[in-house]
N, C-alpha and C. Protein backbone atom coordinates (compact mmCIF):
# COMPACT_ATOMS: atom_id res chain seq x y z
N MET A 1 -20.00 24.72 21.42
CA MET A 1 -19.78 24.24 20.03
C MET A 1 -18.40 24.63 19.59
N LYS A 2 -17.63 23.75 18.97
CA LYS A 2 -16.28 24.00 18.56
C LYS A 2 -16.33 24.76 17.25
N MET A 3 -15.58 25.84 17.11
CA MET A 3 -15.51 26.58 15.83
C MET A 3 -14.21 26.25 15.19
N ASP A 4 -14.28 25.77 13.92
CA ASP A 4 -13.09 25.49 13.15
C ASP A 4 -12.47 26.76 12.58
N LYS A 5 -11.24 26.98 12.96
CA LYS A 5 -10.51 28.15 12.38
C LYS A 5 -9.08 27.82 12.21
N CYS A 6 -8.38 28.56 11.39
CA CYS A 6 -6.97 28.42 11.11
C CYS A 6 -6.14 28.69 12.37
N SER A 7 -5.32 27.77 12.73
CA SER A 7 -4.42 27.94 13.86
C SER A 7 -3.35 28.91 13.65
N PHE A 8 -3.09 29.33 12.46
CA PHE A 8 -2.02 30.27 12.12
C PHE A 8 -2.56 31.69 12.06
N CYS A 9 -3.59 31.95 11.32
CA CYS A 9 -4.12 33.34 11.12
C CYS A 9 -5.40 33.59 11.87
N GLY A 10 -6.07 32.62 12.34
CA GLY A 10 -7.31 32.74 13.08
C GLY A 10 -8.60 32.93 12.24
N ARG A 11 -8.44 32.81 10.88
CA ARG A 11 -9.66 32.96 10.06
C ARG A 11 -10.57 31.75 10.32
N GLU A 12 -11.88 32.02 10.28
CA GLU A 12 -12.80 30.94 10.47
C GLU A 12 -13.08 30.22 9.19
N LYS A 13 -13.72 29.03 9.29
CA LYS A 13 -13.95 28.20 8.14
C LYS A 13 -14.74 28.94 7.03
N LYS A 14 -15.69 29.77 7.42
CA LYS A 14 -16.52 30.50 6.50
C LYS A 14 -15.75 31.63 5.76
N GLU A 15 -14.58 31.95 6.20
CA GLU A 15 -13.78 33.03 5.68
C GLU A 15 -12.78 32.51 4.61
N VAL A 16 -12.57 31.23 4.50
CA VAL A 16 -11.50 30.69 3.62
C VAL A 16 -12.13 29.72 2.61
N ASN A 17 -11.39 29.35 1.62
CA ASN A 17 -11.83 28.38 0.66
C ASN A 17 -11.62 26.97 1.09
N LEU A 18 -10.57 26.76 1.85
CA LEU A 18 -10.20 25.44 2.30
C LEU A 18 -9.60 25.48 3.68
N LEU A 19 -9.97 24.57 4.51
CA LEU A 19 -9.41 24.42 5.86
C LEU A 19 -8.92 23.01 6.09
N ILE A 20 -7.64 22.83 6.26
CA ILE A 20 -7.10 21.50 6.42
C ILE A 20 -6.99 21.25 7.95
N ALA A 21 -7.53 20.11 8.38
CA ALA A 21 -7.48 19.76 9.78
C ALA A 21 -6.35 18.74 10.03
N GLY A 22 -5.60 18.97 11.07
CA GLY A 22 -4.56 18.09 11.46
C GLY A 22 -4.84 17.57 12.88
N MET A 23 -3.93 16.87 13.53
CA MET A 23 -4.17 16.26 14.80
C MET A 23 -4.38 17.36 15.87
N GLU A 24 -3.69 18.48 15.79
CA GLU A 24 -3.74 19.46 16.85
C GLU A 24 -4.27 20.82 16.41
N GLY A 25 -4.60 20.98 15.09
CA GLY A 25 -5.03 22.29 14.68
C GLY A 25 -5.49 22.24 13.25
N HIS A 26 -5.67 23.44 12.62
CA HIS A 26 -6.06 23.57 11.31
C HIS A 26 -5.19 24.64 10.57
N ILE A 27 -5.12 24.53 9.20
CA ILE A 27 -4.43 25.55 8.43
C ILE A 27 -5.29 25.84 7.19
N CYS A 28 -5.44 27.12 6.89
CA CYS A 28 -6.23 27.52 5.74
C CYS A 28 -5.43 27.57 4.46
N ASP A 29 -6.12 27.70 3.33
CA ASP A 29 -5.49 27.71 2.05
C ASP A 29 -4.54 28.94 1.89
N ASN A 30 -4.95 30.10 2.53
CA ASN A 30 -4.10 31.32 2.46
C ASN A 30 -2.82 31.10 3.22
N CYS A 31 -2.82 30.50 4.38
CA CYS A 31 -1.58 30.23 5.09
C CYS A 31 -0.72 29.12 4.42
N VAL A 32 -1.37 28.20 3.78
CA VAL A 32 -0.58 27.20 3.00
C VAL A 32 0.20 27.87 1.87
N GLU A 33 -0.49 28.80 1.17
CA GLU A 33 0.25 29.54 0.08
C GLU A 33 1.37 30.37 0.64
N GLN A 34 1.12 31.05 1.74
CA GLN A 34 2.18 31.83 2.40
C GLN A 34 3.32 30.99 2.81
N ALA A 35 3.09 29.85 3.35
CA ALA A 35 4.15 28.92 3.84
C ALA A 35 4.90 28.41 2.65
N HIS A 36 4.20 28.13 1.55
CA HIS A 36 4.84 27.64 0.30
C HIS A 36 5.83 28.74 -0.21
N ALA A 37 5.37 29.95 -0.22
CA ALA A 37 6.27 31.04 -0.74
C ALA A 37 7.45 31.19 0.23
N ILE A 38 7.32 31.02 1.53
CA ILE A 38 8.43 31.07 2.45
C ILE A 38 9.47 29.94 2.16
N VAL A 39 8.91 28.78 1.95
CA VAL A 39 9.82 27.61 1.68
C VAL A 39 10.59 27.92 0.38
N GLU A 40 9.94 28.39 -0.65
CA GLU A 40 10.63 28.69 -1.89
C GLU A 40 11.74 29.74 -1.65
N GLU A 41 11.39 30.77 -0.93
CA GLU A 41 12.40 31.92 -0.69
C GLU A 41 13.54 31.39 0.17
N GLU A 42 13.26 30.61 1.23
CA GLU A 42 14.29 30.10 2.04
C GLU A 42 15.20 29.06 1.34
N PHE A 43 14.64 28.26 0.55
CA PHE A 43 15.39 27.26 -0.28
C PHE A 43 16.31 27.98 -1.25
N LYS A 44 15.83 29.04 -1.93
CA LYS A 44 16.63 29.79 -2.82
C LYS A 44 17.82 30.49 -2.08
N LYS A 45 17.46 31.04 -0.93
CA LYS A 45 18.51 31.71 -0.14
C LYS A 45 19.57 30.75 0.37
N ASP A 46 19.15 29.59 0.89
CA ASP A 46 20.04 28.60 1.46
C ASP A 46 20.81 27.80 0.41
N GLN A 47 20.10 27.36 -0.65
CA GLN A 47 20.65 26.45 -1.59
C GLN A 47 21.09 27.15 -2.98
N GLY A 48 20.60 28.37 -3.17
CA GLY A 48 20.88 29.05 -4.34
C GLY A 48 20.12 28.56 -5.58
N ILE A 49 19.04 27.78 -5.28
CA ILE A 49 18.24 27.21 -6.38
C ILE A 49 16.81 27.74 -6.32
N ASP A 50 16.33 28.17 -7.41
CA ASP A 50 14.96 28.70 -7.49
C ASP A 50 14.09 27.45 -7.84
N ILE A 51 13.42 26.87 -6.86
CA ILE A 51 12.65 25.68 -7.13
C ILE A 51 11.41 25.88 -8.04
N ARG A 52 11.06 27.17 -8.13
CA ARG A 52 9.93 27.46 -9.08
C ARG A 52 10.30 27.21 -10.52
N SER A 53 11.57 27.30 -10.82
CA SER A 53 11.98 27.08 -12.21
C SER A 53 12.87 25.85 -12.42
N ASP A 54 13.27 25.23 -11.34
CA ASP A 54 14.12 24.01 -11.42
C ASP A 54 13.30 22.75 -11.06
N ARG A 55 12.84 22.15 -12.08
CA ARG A 55 11.88 21.01 -11.94
C ARG A 55 12.52 19.84 -11.16
N MET A 56 13.79 19.57 -11.35
CA MET A 56 14.39 18.45 -10.67
C MET A 56 14.48 18.76 -9.11
N ALA A 57 14.83 20.00 -8.80
CA ALA A 57 14.90 20.40 -7.40
C ALA A 57 13.48 20.28 -6.75
N LEU A 58 12.48 20.77 -7.48
CA LEU A 58 11.10 20.70 -6.98
C LEU A 58 10.64 19.27 -6.76
N GLN A 59 11.04 18.38 -7.67
CA GLN A 59 10.65 16.98 -7.55
C GLN A 59 11.35 16.33 -6.30
N ARG A 60 12.58 16.67 -6.18
CA ARG A 60 13.33 16.07 -4.95
C ARG A 60 12.75 16.62 -3.68
N LEU A 61 12.32 17.91 -3.65
CA LEU A 61 11.67 18.42 -2.46
C LEU A 61 10.37 17.79 -2.20
N LYS A 62 9.57 17.48 -3.20
CA LYS A 62 8.30 16.85 -3.08
C LYS A 62 8.46 15.45 -2.54
N GLU A 63 9.49 14.70 -3.09
CA GLU A 63 9.75 13.34 -2.57
C GLU A 63 10.18 13.36 -1.10
N ALA A 64 11.00 14.28 -0.76
CA ALA A 64 11.47 14.40 0.64
C ALA A 64 10.26 14.71 1.56
N ALA A 65 9.36 15.55 1.10
CA ALA A 65 8.20 15.90 1.90
C ALA A 65 7.30 14.69 2.09
N GLU A 66 7.11 13.90 1.04
CA GLU A 66 6.33 12.70 1.14
C GLU A 66 6.90 11.72 2.14
N LYS A 67 8.20 11.53 2.15
CA LYS A 67 8.85 10.63 3.10
C LYS A 67 8.67 11.14 4.50
N ALA A 68 8.61 12.46 4.74
CA ALA A 68 8.58 13.05 6.07
C ALA A 68 7.15 13.11 6.62
N LYS A 69 6.12 12.83 5.77
CA LYS A 69 4.74 12.90 6.30
C LYS A 69 4.53 11.88 7.42
N PRO A 70 3.85 12.32 8.44
CA PRO A 70 3.47 11.39 9.53
C PRO A 70 2.42 10.37 8.99
N PRO A 71 2.39 9.23 9.62
CA PRO A 71 1.46 8.17 9.13
C PRO A 71 -0.01 8.35 9.54
N PHE A 72 -0.57 9.47 9.40
CA PHE A 72 -1.94 9.63 9.68
C PHE A 72 -2.60 10.45 8.54
N ARG A 73 -3.92 10.38 8.41
CA ARG A 73 -4.61 11.07 7.40
C ARG A 73 -4.88 12.53 7.83
N ILE A 74 -4.90 13.39 6.91
CA ILE A 74 -5.27 14.76 7.15
C ILE A 74 -6.70 14.98 6.51
N SER A 75 -7.57 15.42 7.31
CA SER A 75 -8.95 15.60 6.76
C SER A 75 -9.01 17.06 6.20
N ILE A 76 -9.77 17.21 5.13
CA ILE A 76 -9.90 18.49 4.49
C ILE A 76 -11.36 18.95 4.72
N VAL A 77 -11.48 20.14 5.29
CA VAL A 77 -12.79 20.74 5.52
C VAL A 77 -12.93 21.79 4.47
N ASN A 78 -13.87 21.53 3.58
CA ASN A 78 -14.06 22.46 2.40
C ASN A 78 -15.21 23.39 2.71
N ARG A 79 -15.16 24.52 2.05
CA ARG A 79 -16.14 25.61 2.31
C ARG A 79 -17.57 25.10 2.03
N ASP A 80 -17.71 24.23 1.15
CA ASP A 80 -19.07 23.71 0.80
C ASP A 80 -19.69 22.86 1.88
N THR A 81 -18.94 22.48 2.93
CA THR A 81 -19.45 21.60 3.92
C THR A 81 -19.75 22.33 5.26
N LYS A 82 -19.90 23.65 5.21
CA LYS A 82 -20.18 24.44 6.42
C LYS A 82 -21.47 24.05 7.05
């Protein structure tokens, strides 16, 4: 039996609130939050812009991320469906 767990931190589905499945692995809500914080920090360091307080920069970043998405659906495995 295959056990769904986060490919980044190794937490199992029952240990997280949300587990997002991709083509080759999974990522949990905790790792998504951590990755988001890293992106904010790196963007501020590289660009000198705090995207948490600059709405225009955040919007441009969101638009760029949408364009970069691969053309496949990501399934969400939620804690209620264990």
